[in-house]
Amino acid sequence: MTEDLLVPFDDDLLATVAGRHDLDEATLRDMLTSHQQQVRDNPGVEDIVYEWRSQFHEQPVLQRTDDTYYLRLRAHVWDEFADALDIAETDLHAVLDAHEEQCRRETGAGIGEDERAMVLSRP
């Protein structure tokens, strides 16, 4: 079940990002899984994406598939998730890197200086 939460992330990408951040791949997977579960538990993937679409003037959804949202969000949006994950700042950089690399790989979109990517698996 927990691996289903990581369906949007390519295995080779996770291995590359983990290596880039001198992090065990299993640890990166655990952190990404925790984030995905966190979004599903509160407030829910569809609800939060709807909220962001309503709240922000720019369109946060870069691409949507049957099982994934690829989003470009204001950087501050990650603050609450980062606090809830309760991980070291260096580990957070690996999580953010995985989201950005996967988003770029799937959409070809760039991420601005004050933006962060977020890839969310859809239930």
PDB file of N, CA and C in Angstrom:
ATOM      1  N   MET A   1       0.813  -1.196   0.000  1.00  0.00           N
ATOM      2  CA  MET A   1       0.000   0.000   0.000  1.00  0.00           C
ATOM      3  C   MET A   1       0.858   1.263   0.000  1.00  0.00           C
ATOM      4  N   THR A   2       1.884   1.298   0.854  1.00  0.00           N
ATOM      5  CA  THR A   2       2.677   2.519   0.917  1.00  0.00           C
ATOM      6  C   THR A   2       3.441   2.759  -0.376  1.00  0.00           C
ATOM      7  N   GLU A   3       3.860   1.710  -1.061  1.00  0.00           N
ATOM      8  CA  GLU A   3       4.545   1.902  -2.334  1.00  0.00           C
ATOM      9  C   GLU A   3       3.613   2.526  -3.362  1.00  0.00           C
ATOM     10  N   ASP A   4       2.289   2.270  -3.241  1.00  0.00           N
ATOM     11  CA  ASP A   4       1.333   2.891  -4.150  1.00  0.00           C
ATOM     12  C   ASP A   4       1.408   4.411  -4.066  1.00  0.00           C
ATOM     13  N   LEU A   5       1.750   4.934  -2.913  1.00  0.00           N
ATOM     14  CA  LEU A   5       1.849   6.376  -2.733  1.00  0.00           C
ATOM     15  C   LEU A   5       3.003   6.963  -3.541  1.00  0.00           C
ATOM     16  N   LEU A   6       3.960   6.135  -3.887  1.00  0.00           N
ATOM     17  CA  LEU A   6       5.133   6.607  -4.622  1.00  0.00           C
ATOM     18  C   LEU A   6       5.076   6.293  -6.114  1.00  0.00           C
ATOM     19  N   VAL A   7       3.933   5.851  -6.601  1.00  0.00           N
ATOM     20  CA  VAL A   7       3.780   5.527  -8.022  1.00  0.00           C
ATOM     21  C   VAL A   7       4.252   6.662  -8.933  1.00  0.00           C
ATOM     22  N   PRO A   8       3.997   7.931  -8.591  1.00  0.00           N
ATOM     23  CA  PRO A   8       4.430   9.004  -9.492  1.00  0.00           C
ATOM     24  C   PRO A   8       5.944   9.174  -9.609  1.00  0.00           C
ATOM     25  N   PHE A   9       6.701   8.615  -8.688  1.00  0.00           N
ATOM     26  CA  PHE A   9       8.148   8.822  -8.665  1.00  0.00           C
ATOM     27  C   PHE A   9       8.871   7.656  -9.341  1.00  0.00           C
ATOM     28  N   ASP A  10       9.721   7.986 -10.299  1.00  0.00           N
ATOM     29  CA  ASP A  10      10.501   6.976 -11.002  1.00  0.00           C
ATOM     30  C   ASP A  10      11.595   6.431 -10.087  1.00  0.00           C
ATOM     31  N   ASP A  11      11.762   5.112 -10.112  1.00  0.00           N
ATOM     32  CA  ASP A  11      12.776   4.471  -9.264  1.00  0.00           C
ATOM     33  C   ASP A  11      14.176   5.017  -9.528  1.00  0.00           C
ATOM     34  N   ASP A  12      14.526   5.183 -10.803  1.00  0.00           N
ATOM     35  CA  ASP A  12      15.867   5.677 -11.108  1.00  0.00           C
ATOM     36  C   ASP A  12      16.056   7.100 -10.596  1.00  0.00           C
ATOM     37  N   LEU A  13      15.007   7.898 -10.621  1.00  0.00           N
ATOM     38  CA  LEU A  13      15.094   9.260 -10.118  1.00  0.00           C
ATOM     39  C   LEU A  13      15.346   9.257  -8.617  1.00  0.00           C
ATOM     40  N   LEU A  14      14.643   8.394  -7.888  1.00  0.00           N
ATOM     41  CA  LEU A  14      14.824   8.335  -6.442  1.00  0.00           C
ATOM     42  C   LEU A  14      16.237   7.895  -6.078  1.00  0.00           C
ATOM     43  N   ALA A  15      16.767   6.953  -6.815  1.00  0.00           N
ATOM     44  CA  ALA A  15      18.146   6.511  -6.563  1.00  0.00           C
ATOM     45  C   ALA A  15      19.129   7.648  -6.824  1.00  0.00           C
ATOM     46  N   THR A  16      18.914   8.390  -7.905  1.00  0.00           N
ATOM     47  CA  THR A  16      19.789   9.514  -8.241  1.00  0.00           C
ATOM     48  C   THR A  16      19.724  10.603  -7.193  1.00  0.00           C
ATOM     49  N   VAL A  17      18.512  10.980  -6.793  1.00  0.00           N
ATOM     50  CA  VAL A  17      18.349  12.048  -5.799  1.00  0.00           C
ATOM     51  C   VAL A  17      18.943  11.628  -4.458  1.00  0.00           C
ATOM     52  N   ALA A  18      18.700  10.398  -4.050  1.00  0.00           N
ATOM     53  CA  ALA A  18      19.264   9.921  -2.784  1.00  0.00           C
ATOM     54  C   ALA A  18      20.794   9.997  -2.820  1.00  0.00           C
ATOM     55  N   GLY A  19      21.385   9.559  -3.916  1.00  0.00           N
ATOM     56  CA  GLY A  19      22.837   9.623  -4.045  1.00  0.00           C
ATOM     57  C   GLY A  19      23.363  11.046  -4.040  1.00  0.00           C
ATOM     58  N   ARG A  20      22.647  11.925  -4.705  1.00  0.00           N
ATOM     59  CA  ARG A  20      23.048  13.328  -4.772  1.00  0.00           C
ATOM     60  C   ARG A  20      23.080  13.974  -3.392  1.00  0.00           C
ATOM     61  N   HIS A  21      22.201  13.497  -2.507  1.00  0.00           N
ATOM     62  CA  HIS A  21      22.094  14.082  -1.166  1.00  0.00           C
ATOM     63  C   HIS A  21      22.737  13.200  -0.090  1.00  0.00           C
ATOM     64  N   ASP A  22      23.515  12.209  -0.542  1.00  0.00           N
ATOM     65  CA  ASP A  22      24.195  11.303   0.381  1.00  0.00           C
ATOM     66  C   ASP A  22      23.215  10.729   1.399  1.00  0.00           C
ATOM     67  N   LEU A  23      22.130  10.193   0.874  1.00  0.00           N
ATOM     68  CA  LEU A  23      21.033   9.689   1.689  1.00  0.00           C
ATOM     69  C   LEU A  23      20.695   8.273   1.227  1.00  0.00           C
ATOM     70  N   ASP A  24      20.354   7.429   2.154  1.00  0.00           N
ATOM     71  CA  ASP A  24      19.916   6.086   1.816  1.00  0.00           C
ATOM     72  C   ASP A  24      18.590   6.180   1.053  1.00  0.00           C
ATOM     73  N   GLU A  25      18.474   5.449  -0.050  1.00  0.00           N
ATOM     74  CA  GLU A  25      17.259   5.505  -0.866  1.00  0.00           C
ATOM     75  C   GLU A  25      16.011   5.118  -0.071  1.00  0.00           C
ATOM     76  N   ALA A  26      16.124   4.138   0.813  1.00  0.00           N
ATOM     77  CA  ALA A  26      14.976   3.723   1.627  1.00  0.00           C
ATOM     78  C   ALA A  26      14.501   4.864   2.533  1.00  0.00           C
ATOM     79  N   THR A  27      15.437   5.643   3.042  1.00  0.00           N
ATOM     80  CA  THR A  27      15.082   6.788   3.883  1.00  0.00           C
ATOM     81  C   THR A  27      14.343   7.838   3.069  1.00  0.00           C
ATOM     82  N   LEU A  28      14.822   8.115   1.857  1.00  0.00           N
ATOM     83  CA  LEU A  28      14.131   9.064   0.983  1.00  0.00           C
ATOM     84  C   LEU A  28      12.724   8.569   0.674  1.00  0.00           C
ATOM     85  N   ARG A  29      12.596   7.285   0.365  1.00  0.00           N
ATOM     86  CA  ARG A  29      11.270   6.723   0.092  1.00  0.00           C
ATOM     87  C   ARG A  29      10.339   6.875   1.299  1.00  0.00           C
ATOM     88  N   ASP A  30      10.872   6.633   2.491  1.00  0.00           N
ATOM     89  CA  ASP A  30      10.062   6.779   3.706  1.00  0.00           C
ATOM     90  C   ASP A  30       9.578   8.209   3.883  1.00  0.00           C
ATOM     91  N   MET A  31      10.452   9.174   3.654  1.00  0.00           N
ATOM     92  CA  MET A  31      10.068  10.578   3.809  1.00  0.00           C
ATOM     93  C   MET A  31       9.036  10.982   2.763  1.00  0.00           C
ATOM     94  N   LEU A  32       9.220  10.538   1.527  1.00  0.00           N
ATOM     95  CA  LEU A  32       8.246  10.841   0.479  1.00  0.00           C
ATOM     96  C   LEU A  32       6.902  10.183   0.769  1.00  0.00           C
ATOM     97  N   THR A  33       6.935   8.963   1.261  1.00  0.00           N
ATOM     98  CA  THR A  33       5.699   8.265   1.620  1.00  0.00           C
ATOM     99  C   THR A  33       4.986   8.990   2.756  1.00  0.00           C
ATOM    100  N   SER A  34       5.742   9.440   3.743  1.00  0.00           N
ATOM    101  CA  SER A  34       5.141  10.179   4.865  1.00  0.00           C
ATOM    102  C   SER A  34       4.455  11.445   4.370  1.00  0.00           C
ATOM    103  N   HIS A  35       5.090  12.140   3.448  1.00  0.00           N
ATOM    104  CA  HIS A  35       4.480  13.362   2.899  1.00  0.00           C
ATOM    105  C   HIS A  35       3.196  13.028   2.141  1.00  0.00           C
ATOM    106  N   GLN A  36       3.245  12.012   1.298  1.00  0.00           N
ATOM    107  CA  GLN A  36       2.048  11.637   0.535  1.00  0.00           C
ATOM    108  C   GLN A  36       0.901  11.258   1.474  1.00  0.00           C
ATOM    109  N   GLN A  37       1.206  10.499   2.509  1.00  0.00           N
ATOM    110  CA  GLN A  37       0.172  10.087   3.466  1.00  0.00           C
ATOM    111  C   GLN A  37      -0.358  11.296   4.235  1.00  0.00           C
ATOM    112  N   GLN A  38       0.520  12.197   4.582  1.00  0.00           N
ATOM    113  CA  GLN A  38       0.138  13.416   5.295  1.00  0.00           C
ATOM    114  C   GLN A  38      -0.897  14.201   4.487  1.00  0.00           C
ATOM    115  N   VAL A  39      -0.678  14.359   3.200  1.00  0.00           N
ATOM    116  CA  VAL A  39      -1.618  15.094   2.355  1.00  0.00           C
ATOM    117  C   VAL A  39      -2.941  14.347   2.260  1.00  0.00           C
ATOM    118  N   ARG A  40      -2.888  13.044   2.132  1.00  0.00           N
ATOM    119  CA  ARG A  40      -4.125  12.260   2.052  1.00  0.00           C
ATOM    120  C   ARG A  40      -4.930  12.338   3.338  1.00  0.00           C
ATOM    121  N   ASP A  41      -4.217  12.341   4.476  1.00  0.00           N
ATOM    122  CA  ASP A  41      -4.904  12.357   5.770  1.00  0.00           C
ATOM    123  C   ASP A  41      -5.508  13.716   6.098  1.00  0.00           C
ATOM    124  N   ASN A  42      -4.837  14.773   5.698  1.00  0.00           N
ATOM    125  CA  ASN A  42      -5.321  16.097   6.060  1.00  0.00           C
ATOM    126  C   ASN A  42      -4.809  17.131   5.074  1.00  0.00           C
ATOM    127  N   PRO A  43      -5.615  17.674   4.279  1.00  0.00           N
ATOM    128  CA  PRO A  43      -7.072  17.595   4.183  1.00  0.00           C
ATOM    129  C   PRO A  43      -7.566  16.630   3.121  1.00  0.00           C
ATOM    130  N   GLY A  44      -6.656  16.008   2.383  1.00  0.00           N
ATOM    131  CA  GLY A  44      -7.013  15.139   1.265  1.00  0.00           C
ATOM    132  C   GLY A  44      -6.466  15.754  -0.016  1.00  0.00           C
ATOM    133  N   VAL A  45      -6.047  14.920  -0.929  1.00  0.00           N
ATOM    134  CA  VAL A  45      -5.387  15.388  -2.148  1.00  0.00           C
ATOM    135  C   VAL A  45      -6.310  16.285  -2.966  1.00  0.00           C
ATOM    136  N   GLU A  46      -7.490  15.808  -3.288  1.00  0.00           N
ATOM    137  CA  GLU A  46      -8.392  16.581  -4.135  1.00  0.00           C
ATOM    138  C   GLU A  46      -8.786  17.894  -3.460  1.00  0.00           C
ATOM    139  N   ASP A  47      -9.016  17.843  -2.145  1.00  0.00           N
ATOM    140  CA  ASP A  47      -9.422  19.050  -1.413  1.00  0.00           C
ATOM    141  C   ASP A  47      -8.319  20.100  -1.396  1.00  0.00           C
ATOM    142  N   ILE A  48      -7.100  19.676  -1.158  1.00  0.00           N
ATOM    143  CA  ILE A  48      -6.019  20.660  -1.078  1.00  0.00           C
ATOM    144  C   ILE A  48      -5.690  21.247  -2.447  1.00  0.00           C
ATOM    145  N   VAL A  49      -5.755  20.432  -3.483  1.00  0.00           N
ATOM    146  CA  VAL A  49      -5.500  20.963  -4.827  1.00  0.00           C
ATOM    147  C   VAL A  49      -6.602  21.951  -5.199  1.00  0.00           C
ATOM    148  N   TYR A  50      -7.829  21.646  -4.862  1.00  0.00           N
ATOM    149  CA  TYR A  50      -8.930  22.580  -5.103  1.00  0.00           C
ATOM    150  C   TYR A  50      -8.689  23.897  -4.362  1.00  0.00           C
ATOM    151  N   GLU A  51      -8.260  23.789  -3.114  1.00  0.00           N
ATOM    152  CA  GLU A  51      -7.979  24.986  -2.304  1.00  0.00           C
ATOM    153  C   GLU A  51      -6.892  25.838  -2.950  1.00  0.00           C
ATOM    154  N   TRP A  52      -5.812  25.209  -3.391  1.00  0.00           N
ATOM    155  CA  TRP A  52      -4.727  25.957  -4.021  1.00  0.00           C
ATOM    156  C   TRP A  52      -5.171  26.592  -5.325  1.00  0.00           C
ATOM    157  N   ARG A  53      -5.994  25.887  -6.089  1.00  0.00           N
ATOM    158  CA  ARG A  53      -6.491  26.442  -7.348  1.00  0.00           C
ATOM    159  C   ARG A  53      -7.368  27.657  -7.089  1.00  0.00           C
ATOM    160  N   SER A  54      -8.104  27.648  -5.988  1.00  0.00           N
ATOM    161  CA  SER A  54      -8.974  28.766  -5.632  1.00  0.00           C
ATOM    162  C   SER A  54      -8.196  29.921  -5.016  1.00  0.00           C
ATOM    163  N   GLN A  55      -7.166  29.604  -4.258  1.00  0.00           N
ATOM    164  CA  GLN A  55      -6.434  30.591  -3.469  1.00  0.00           C
ATOM    165  C   GLN A  55      -5.423  31.387  -4.294  1.00  0.00           C
ATOM    166  N   PHE A  56      -4.750  30.743  -5.220  1.00  0.00           N
ATOM    167  CA  PHE A  56      -3.670  31.386  -5.955  1.00  0.00           C
ATOM    168  C   PHE A  56      -4.171  31.924  -7.283  1.00  0.00           C
ATOM    169  N   HIS A  57      -3.656  33.086  -7.664  1.00  0.00           N
ATOM    170  CA  HIS A  57      -4.053  33.686  -8.941  1.00  0.00           C
ATOM    171  C   HIS A  57      -3.495  32.899 -10.122  1.00  0.00           C
ATOM    172  N   GLU A  58      -2.281  32.417  -9.964  1.00  0.00           N
ATOM    173  CA  GLU A  58      -1.683  31.621 -11.026  1.00  0.00           C
ATOM    174  C   GLU A  58      -2.174  30.169 -10.913  1.00  0.00           C
ATOM    175  N   GLN A  59      -2.107  29.465 -11.988  1.00  0.00           N
ATOM    176  CA  GLN A  59      -2.583  28.079 -12.021  1.00  0.00           C
ATOM    177  C   GLN A  59      -1.490  27.160 -11.462  1.00  0.00           C
ATOM    178  N   PRO A  60      -1.750  26.518 -10.303  1.00  0.00           N
ATOM    179  CA  PRO A  60      -0.723  25.663  -9.716  1.00  0.00           C
ATOM    180  C   PRO A  60      -0.600  24.291 -10.386  1.00  0.00           C
ATOM    181  N   VAL A  61      -1.640  23.842 -11.068  1.00  0.00           N
ATOM    182  CA  VAL A  61      -1.608  22.505 -11.672  1.00  0.00           C
ATOM    183  C   VAL A  61      -0.923  22.588 -13.035  1.00  0.00           C
ATOM    184  N   LEU A  62       0.250  21.987 -13.115  1.00  0.00           N
ATOM    185  CA  LEU A  62       0.975  21.926 -14.380  1.00  0.00           C
ATOM    186  C   LEU A  62       0.440  20.812 -15.260  1.00  0.00           C
ATOM    187  N   GLN A  63       0.101  19.705 -14.605  1.00  0.00           N
ATOM    188  CA  GLN A  63      -0.407  18.537 -15.329  1.00  0.00           C
ATOM    189  C   GLN A  63      -1.160  17.653 -14.347  1.00  0.00           C
ATOM    190  N   ARG A  64      -2.200  16.998 -14.857  1.00  0.00           N
ATOM    191  CA  ARG A  64      -2.960  16.060 -14.032  1.00  0.00           C
ATOM    192  C   ARG A  64      -3.178  14.798 -14.845  1.00  0.00           C
ATOM    193  N   THR A  65      -2.911  13.669 -14.219  1.00  0.00           N
ATOM    194  CA  THR A  65      -3.201  12.384 -14.830  1.00  0.00           C
ATOM    195  C   THR A  65      -4.193  11.661 -13.932  1.00  0.00           C
ATOM    196  N   ASP A  66      -4.565  10.466 -14.309  1.00  0.00           N
ATOM    197  CA  ASP A  66      -5.504   9.700 -13.490  1.00  0.00           C
ATOM    198  C   ASP A  66      -4.966   9.414 -12.099  1.00  0.00           C
ATOM    199  N   ASP A  67      -3.631   9.342 -11.970  1.00  0.00           N
ATOM    200  CA  ASP A  67      -3.078   8.971 -10.668  1.00  0.00           C
ATOM    201  C   ASP A  67      -2.138  10.005 -10.045  1.00  0.00           C
ATOM    202  N   THR A  68      -1.952  11.176 -10.704  1.00  0.00           N
ATOM    203  CA  THR A  68      -0.964  12.130 -10.195  1.00  0.00           C
ATOM    204  C   THR A  68      -1.321  13.574 -10.521  1.00  0.00           C
ATOM    205  N   TYR A  69      -1.022  14.460  -9.572  1.00  0.00           N
ATOM    206  CA  TYR A  69      -1.002  15.905  -9.815  1.00  0.00           C
ATOM    207  C   TYR A  69       0.457  16.350  -9.834  1.00  0.00           C
ATOM    208  N   TYR A  70       0.803  17.181 -10.804  1.00  0.00           N
ATOM    209  CA  TYR A  70       2.106  17.828 -10.876  1.00  0.00           C
ATOM    210  C   TYR A  70       1.856  19.314 -10.675  1.00  0.00           C
ATOM    211  N   LEU A  71       2.393  19.858  -9.595  1.00  0.00           N
ATOM    212  CA  LEU A  71       2.066  21.213  -9.184  1.00  0.00           C
ATOM    213  C   LEU A  71       3.304  22.103  -9.085  1.00  0.00           C
ATOM    214  N   ARG A  72       3.086  23.388  -9.329  1.00  0.00           N
ATOM    215  CA  ARG A  72       4.100  24.419  -9.087  1.00  0.00           C
ATOM    216  C   ARG A  72       3.442  25.394  -8.117  1.00  0.00           C
ATOM    217  N   LEU A  73       3.993  25.467  -6.901  1.00  0.00           N
ATOM    218  CA  LEU A  73       3.388  26.233  -5.818  1.00  0.00           C
ATOM    219  C   LEU A  73       4.335  27.295  -5.280  1.00  0.00           C
ATOM    220  N   ARG A  74       3.780  28.269  -4.625  1.00  0.00           N
ATOM    221  CA  ARG A  74       4.606  29.251  -3.929  1.00  0.00           C
ATOM    222  C   ARG A  74       5.410  28.505  -2.865  1.00  0.00           C
ATOM    223  N   ALA A  75       6.630  28.928  -2.680  1.00  0.00           N
ATOM    224  CA  ALA A  75       7.564  28.217  -1.790  1.00  0.00           C
ATOM    225  C   ALA A  75       7.017  28.062  -0.373  1.00  0.00           C
ATOM    226  N   HIS A  76       6.289  29.037   0.119  1.00  0.00           N
ATOM    227  CA  HIS A  76       5.797  28.989   1.503  1.00  0.00           C
ATOM    228  C   HIS A  76       4.807  27.853   1.743  1.00  0.00           C
ATOM    229  N   VAL A  77       4.219  27.321   0.692  1.00  0.00           N
ATOM    230  CA  VAL A  77       3.248  26.233   0.849  1.00  0.00           C
ATOM    231  C   VAL A  77       3.909  25.012   1.485  1.00  0.00           C
ATOM    232  N   TRP A  78       5.177  24.791   1.183  1.00  0.00           N
ATOM    233  CA  TRP A  78       5.893  23.636   1.721  1.00  0.00           C
ATOM    234  C   TRP A  78       6.186  23.767   3.210  1.00  0.00           C
ATOM    235  N   ASP A  79       6.142  24.981   3.751  1.00  0.00           N
ATOM    236  CA  ASP A  79       6.526  25.200   5.148  1.00  0.00           C
ATOM    237  C   ASP A  79       5.737  24.312   6.117  1.00  0.00           C
ATOM    238  N   GLU A  80       4.438  24.291   5.974  1.00  0.00           N
ATOM    239  CA  GLU A  80       3.602  23.495   6.875  1.00  0.00           C
ATOM    240  C   GLU A  80       3.897  22.002   6.743  1.00  0.00           C
ATOM    241  N   PHE A  81       4.065  21.548   5.519  1.00  0.00           N
ATOM    242  CA  PHE A  81       4.380  20.131   5.312  1.00  0.00           C
ATOM    243  C   PHE A  81       5.740  19.784   5.882  1.00  0.00           C
ATOM    244  N   ALA A  82       6.699  20.667   5.684  1.00  0.00           N
ATOM    245  CA  ALA A  82       8.049  20.426   6.199  1.00  0.00           C
ATOM    246  C   ALA A  82       8.036  20.326   7.720  1.00  0.00           C
ATOM    247  N   ASP A  83       7.292  21.204   8.376  1.00  0.00           N
ATOM    248  CA  ASP A  83       7.188  21.156   9.839  1.00  0.00           C
ATOM    249  C   ASP A  83       6.582  19.838  10.301  1.00  0.00           C
ATOM    250  N   ALA A  84       5.542  19.398   9.621  1.00  0.00           N
ATOM    251  CA  ALA A  84       4.861  18.166  10.013  1.00  0.00           C
ATOM    252  C   ALA A  84       5.728  16.931   9.761  1.00  0.00           C
ATOM    253  N   LEU A  85       6.566  16.984   8.744  1.00  0.00           N
ATOM    254  CA  LEU A  85       7.448  15.849   8.470  1.00  0.00           C
ATOM    255  C   LEU A  85       8.508  15.702   9.556  1.00  0.00           C
ATOM    256  N   ASP A  86       8.873  16.811  10.185  1.00  0.00           N
ATOM    257  CA  ASP A  86       9.835  16.803  11.285  1.00  0.00           C
ATOM    258  C   ASP A  86      11.125  16.073  10.892  1.00  0.00           C
ATOM    259  N   ILE A  87      11.739  16.565   9.822  1.00  0.00           N
ATOM    260  CA  ILE A  87      12.984  15.977   9.338  1.00  0.00           C
ATOM    261  C   ILE A  87      14.059  17.066   9.299  1.00  0.00           C
ATOM    262  N   ALA A  88      15.292  16.641   9.221  1.00  0.00           N
ATOM    263  CA  ALA A  88      16.409  17.580   9.145  1.00  0.00           C
ATOM    264  C   ALA A  88      16.315  18.397   7.857  1.00  0.00           C
ATOM    265  N   GLU A  89      16.838  19.595   7.914  1.00  0.00           N
ATOM    266  CA  GLU A  89      16.781  20.481   6.749  1.00  0.00           C
ATOM    267  C   GLU A  89      17.466  19.861   5.534  1.00  0.00           C
ATOM    268  N   THR A  90      18.568  19.161   5.755  1.00  0.00           N
ATOM    269  CA  THR A  90      19.264  18.516   4.636  1.00  0.00           C
ATOM    270  C   THR A  90      18.399  17.434   3.999  1.00  0.00           C
ATOM    271  N   ASP A  91      17.626  16.717   4.825  1.00  0.00           N
ATOM    272  CA  ASP A  91      16.723  15.704   4.288  1.00  0.00           C
ATOM    273  C   ASP A  91      15.559  16.352   3.539  1.00  0.00           C
ATOM    274  N   LEU A  92      15.100  17.488   4.041  1.00  0.00           N
ATOM    275  CA  LEU A  92      14.030  18.212   3.344  1.00  0.00           C
ATOM    276  C   LEU A  92      14.488  18.618   1.951  1.00  0.00           C
ATOM    277  N   HIS A  93      15.736  19.018   1.814  1.00  0.00           N
ATOM    278  CA  HIS A  93      16.257  19.382   0.491  1.00  0.00           C
ATOM    279  C   HIS A  93      16.175  18.191  -0.469  1.00  0.00           C
ATOM    280  N   ALA A  94      16.421  17.006   0.024  1.00  0.00           N
ATOM    281  CA  ALA A  94      16.310  15.808  -0.813  1.00  0.00           C
ATOM    282  C   ALA A  94      14.861  15.574  -1.229  1.00  0.00           C
ATOM    283  N   VAL A  95      13.935  15.746  -0.313  1.00  0.00           N
ATOM    284  CA  VAL A  95      12.505  15.579  -0.629  1.00  0.00           C
ATOM    285  C   VAL A  95      12.084  16.600  -1.687  1.00  0.00           C
ATOM    286  N   LEU A  96      12.453  17.853  -1.483  1.00  0.00           N
ATOM    287  CA  LEU A  96      12.106  18.900  -2.450  1.00  0.00           C
ATOM    288  C   LEU A  96      12.736  18.625  -3.805  1.00  0.00           C
ATOM    289  N   ASP A  97      13.966  18.145  -3.800  1.00  0.00           N
ATOM    290  CA  ASP A  97      14.674  17.818  -5.037  1.00  0.00           C
ATOM    291  C   ASP A  97      13.949  16.705  -5.788  1.00  0.00           C
ATOM    292  N   ALA A  98      13.491  15.689  -5.083  1.00  0.00           N
ATOM    293  CA  ALA A  98      12.765  14.592  -5.727  1.00  0.00           C
ATOM    294  C   ALA A  98      11.484  15.101  -6.384  1.00  0.00           C
ATOM    295  N   HIS A  99      10.757  15.944  -5.683  1.00  0.00           N
ATOM    296  CA  HIS A  99       9.527  16.511  -6.253  1.00  0.00           C
ATOM    297  C   HIS A  99       9.827  17.352  -7.488  1.00  0.00           C
ATOM    298  N   GLU A 100      10.861  18.193  -7.395  1.00  0.00           N
ATOM    299  CA  GLU A 100      11.184  19.064  -8.517  1.00  0.00           C
ATOM    300  C   GLU A 100      11.668  18.279  -9.730  1.00  0.00           C
ATOM    301  N   GLU A 101      12.553  17.318  -9.503  1.00  0.00           N
ATOM    302  CA  GLU A 101      13.068  16.520 -10.623  1.00  0.00           C
ATOM    303  C   GLU A 101      11.955  15.730 -11.308  1.00  0.00           C
ATOM    304  N   GLN A 102      11.053  15.128 -10.508  1.00  0.00           N
ATOM    305  CA  GLN A 102       9.975  14.342 -11.102  1.00  0.00           C
ATOM    306  C   GLN A 102       9.006  15.249 -11.862  1.00  0.00           C
ATOM    307  N   CYS A 103       8.722  16.395 -11.304  1.00  0.00           N
ATOM    308  CA  CYS A 103       7.832  17.344 -11.959  1.00  0.00           C
ATOM    309  C   CYS A 103       8.428  17.819 -13.281  1.00  0.00           C
ATOM    310  N   ARG A 104       9.687  18.154 -13.256  1.00  0.00           N
ATOM    311  CA  ARG A 104      10.363  18.605 -14.471  1.00  0.00           C
ATOM    312  C   ARG A 104      10.394  17.490 -15.510  1.00  0.00           C
ATOM    313  N   ARG A 105      10.663  16.278 -15.054  1.00  0.00           N
ATOM    314  CA  ARG A 105      10.737  15.131 -15.962  1.00  0.00           C
ATOM    315  C   ARG A 105       9.396  14.900 -16.660  1.00  0.00           C
ATOM    316  N   GLU A 106       8.314  15.032 -15.931  1.00  0.00           N
ATOM    317  CA  GLU A 106       6.985  14.737 -16.484  1.00  0.00           C
ATOM    318  C   GLU A 106       6.378  15.889 -17.271  1.00  0.00           C
ATOM    319  N   THR A 107       6.637  17.117 -16.844  1.00  0.00           N
ATOM    320  CA  THR A 107       5.955  18.256 -17.461  1.00  0.00           C
ATOM    321  C   THR A 107       6.857  19.115 -18.328  1.00  0.00           C
ATOM    322  N   GLY A 108       8.153  19.047 -18.096  1.00  0.00           N
ATOM    323  CA  GLY A 108       9.082  19.911 -18.803  1.00  0.00           C
ATOM    324  C   GLY A 108       9.076  21.343 -18.280  1.00  0.00           C
ATOM    325  N   ALA A 109       8.284  21.601 -17.251  1.00  0.00           N
ATOM    326  CA  ALA A 109       8.152  22.952 -16.699  1.00  0.00           C
ATOM    327  C   ALA A 109       9.310  23.278 -15.770  1.00  0.00           C
ATOM    328  N   GLY A 110       9.707  24.514 -15.792  1.00  0.00           N
ATOM    329  CA  GLY A 110      10.713  24.994 -14.859  1.00  0.00           C
ATOM    330  C   GLY A 110      10.052  25.464 -13.574  1.00  0.00           C
ATOM    331  N   ILE A 111      10.846  25.557 -12.541  1.00  0.00           N
ATOM    332  CA  ILE A 111      10.366  26.013 -11.245  1.00  0.00           C
ATOM    333  C   ILE A 111      11.097  27.310 -10.925  1.00  0.00           C
ATOM    334  N   GLY A 112      10.327  28.357 -10.643  1.00  0.00           N
ATOM    335  CA  GLY A 112      10.908  29.666 -10.366  1.00  0.00           C
ATOM    336  C   GLY A 112      11.595  29.728  -9.015  1.00  0.00           C
ATOM    337  N   GLU A 113      12.297  30.824  -8.790  1.00  0.00           N
ATOM    338  CA  GLU A 113      13.078  31.003  -7.574  1.00  0.00           C
ATOM    339  C   GLU A 113      12.219  30.959  -6.311  1.00  0.00           C
ATOM    340  N   ASP A 114      11.038  31.531  -6.351  1.00  0.00           N
ATOM    341  CA  ASP A 114      10.145  31.557  -5.187  1.00  0.00           C
ATOM    342  C   ASP A 114       9.047  30.511  -5.280  1.00  0.00           C
ATOM    343  N   GLU A 115       9.328  29.450  -6.013  1.00  0.00           N
ATOM    344  CA  GLU A 115       8.338  28.378  -6.203  1.00  0.00           C
ATOM    345  C   GLU A 115       8.947  27.038  -5.802  1.00  0.00           C
ATOM    346  N   ARG A 116       8.063  26.076  -5.548  1.00  0.00           N
ATOM    347  CA  ARG A 116       8.476  24.704  -5.285  1.00  0.00           C
ATOM    348  C   ARG A 116       7.515  23.784  -6.022  1.00  0.00           C
ATOM    349  N   ALA A 117       8.059  22.686  -6.489  1.00  0.00           N
ATOM    350  CA  ALA A 117       7.237  21.671  -7.133  1.00  0.00           C
ATOM    351  C   ALA A 117       6.652  20.748  -6.072  1.00  0.00           C
ATOM    352  N   MET A 118       5.503  20.177  -6.382  1.00  0.00           N
ATOM    353  CA  MET A 118       4.945  19.140  -5.542  1.00  0.00           C
ATOM    354  C   MET A 118       4.247  18.134  -6.450  1.00  0.00           C
ATOM    355  N   VAL A 119       4.566  16.885  -6.239  1.00  0.00           N
ATOM    356  CA  VAL A 119       3.977  15.778  -6.978  1.00  0.00           C
ATOM    357  C   VAL A 119       3.119  15.015  -5.993  1.00  0.00           C
ATOM    358  N   LEU A 120       1.822  14.909  -6.285  1.00  0.00           N
ATOM    359  CA  LEU A 120       0.906  14.227  -5.377  1.00  0.00           C
ATOM    360  C   LEU A 120       0.225  13.069  -6.079  1.00  0.00           C
ATOM    361  N   SER A 121       0.309  11.900  -5.453  1.00  0.00           N
ATOM    362  CA  SER A 121      -0.421  10.752  -5.976  1.00  0.00           C
ATOM    363  C   SER A 121      -1.901  10.931  -5.648  1.00  0.00           C
ATOM    364  N   ARG A 122      -2.740  10.559  -6.593  1.00  0.00           N
ATOM    365  CA  ARG A 122      -4.185  10.686  -6.405  1.00  0.00           C
ATOM    366  C   ARG A 122      -4.742   9.348  -5.949  1.00  0.00           C
ATOM    367  N   PRO A 123      -5.628   9.421  -4.951  1.00  0.00           N
ATOM    368  CA  PRO A 123      -6.235   8.166  -4.456  1.00  0.00           C
ATOM    369  C   PRO A 123      -7.107   7.496  -5.508  1.00  0.00           C
TER     370      PRO A 123
END
